[in-house]
C-alpha atoms as a PDB file:
ATOM      1  CA  MET A   1      -6.055   9.757   5.474  1.00  0.00           C
ATOM      2  CA  LEU A   2      -6.324   6.359   6.775  1.00  0.00           C
ATOM      3  CA  TYR A   3      -8.554   4.804   9.927  1.00  0.00           C
ATOM      4  CA  LEU A   4      -7.622   1.506  11.365  1.00  0.00           C
ATOM      5  CA  GLU A   5      -9.914  -0.396  13.669  1.00  0.00           C
ATOM      6  CA  HIS A   6      -9.852  -3.587  15.617  1.00  0.00           C
ATOM      7  CA  ALA A   7     -11.973  -5.088  18.465  1.00  0.00           C
ATOM      8  CA  GLN A   8     -10.594  -2.625  20.982  1.00  0.00           C
ATOM      9  CA  ALA A   9      -9.820   0.647  19.252  1.00  0.00           C
ATOM     10  CA  GLY A  10      -9.303   2.745  16.323  1.00  0.00           C
ATOM     11  CA  ILE A  11      -6.860   5.419  15.169  1.00  0.00           C
ATOM     12  CA  LEU A  12      -7.043   8.033  12.477  1.00  0.00           C
ATOM     13  CA  ILE A  13      -3.230   8.210  10.562  1.00  0.00           C
ATOM     14  CA  GLN A  14      -2.557  11.279   8.683  1.00  0.00           C
ATOM     15  CA  ASP A  15       1.241  11.207   8.471  1.00  0.00           C
ATOM     16  CA  SER A  16       2.582  11.426   4.994  1.00  0.00           C
ATOM     17  CA  ALA A  17       5.429   8.675   5.904  1.00  0.00           C
ATOM     18  CA  ASP A  18       3.120   6.405   7.720  1.00  0.00           C
ATOM     19  CA  LEU A  19       0.670   6.788   4.826  1.00  0.00           C
ATOM     20  CA  LYS A  20       3.076   5.997   2.480  1.00  0.00           C
ATOM     21  CA  GLU A  21       4.112   2.839   4.348  1.00  0.00           C
ATOM     22  CA  PHE A  22       0.698   1.809   5.008  1.00  0.00           C
ATOM     23  CA  SER A  23       0.011   2.441   0.985  1.00  0.00           C
ATOM     24  CA  GLU A  24       2.927  -0.023  -0.114  1.00  0.00           C
ATOM     25  CA  ARG A  25       2.126  -3.080   2.181  1.00  0.00           C
ATOM     26  CA  PHE A  26      -1.600  -2.586   0.897  1.00  0.00           C
ATOM     27  CA  ALA A  27      -0.132  -2.963  -2.771  1.00  0.00           C
ATOM     28  CA  ASP A  28       2.002  -5.882  -1.745  1.00  0.00           C
ATOM     29  CA  LEU A  29      -0.879  -7.781  -0.428  1.00  0.00           C
ATOM     30  CA  ARG A  30      -2.625  -6.843  -3.625  1.00  0.00           C
ATOM     31  CA  GLY A  31       0.096  -8.283  -5.787  1.00  0.00           C
ATOM     32  CA  VAL A  32      -0.338 -11.690  -4.123  1.00  0.00           C
ATOM     33  CA  ALA A  33      -3.901 -11.784  -3.555  1.00  0.00           C
ATOM     34  CA  LEU A  34      -6.008 -14.431  -5.738  1.00  0.00           C
ATOM     35  CA  PRO A  35      -8.519 -12.358  -8.026  1.00  0.00           C
ATOM     36  CA  PRO A  36     -11.807 -12.240  -6.962  1.00  0.00           C
ATOM     37  CA  PRO A  37     -13.435 -15.309  -8.225  1.00  0.00           C
ATOM     38  CA  GLU A  38     -10.590 -17.608  -7.218  1.00  0.00           C
ATOM     39  CA  SER A  39     -10.726 -15.990  -3.971  1.00  0.00           C
ATOM     40  CA  ARG A  40     -14.374 -16.868  -3.954  1.00  0.00           C
ATOM     41  CA  LYS A  41     -14.088 -20.620  -4.493  1.00  0.00           C
ATOM     42  CA  LEU A  42     -11.280 -21.088  -1.961  1.00  0.00           C
ATOM     43  CA  VAL A  43     -13.496 -19.536   0.377  1.00  0.00           C
ATOM     44  CA  GLU A  44     -15.934 -21.998  -0.186  1.00  0.00           C
ATOM     45  CA  GLU A  45     -14.149 -25.017  -0.560  1.00  0.00           C
ATOM     46  CA  ILE A  46     -13.036 -24.092   3.033  1.00  0.00           C
ATOM     47  CA  ARG A  47     -16.556 -23.567   4.096  1.00  0.00           C
ATOM     48  CA  GLY A  48     -17.122 -26.981   3.150  1.00  0.00           C
ATOM     49  CA  GLU A  49     -14.805 -28.439   5.638  1.00  0.00           C
ATOM     50  CA  PHE A  50     -16.475 -27.105   8.509  1.00  0.00           C
ATOM     51  CA  ARG A  51     -19.904 -28.439   8.007  1.00  0.00           C
END
C-alpha cells in the first residue's frame, strides 16, 4: 500500500503493478541522493544564500 498526497488531495495505491513502479522510481531516487551529512551541508549552504 502507498499513500500519496499533495496540497489538494491524497490517493491510496494498492495495485501491485503501480506499487512496483513507484518502488523502482523511489529506488532510483535513493541511488542518486546525497548521503545525509552531504545533504545537510548542501541545504545549509543554500539556506545561507537567502539570509
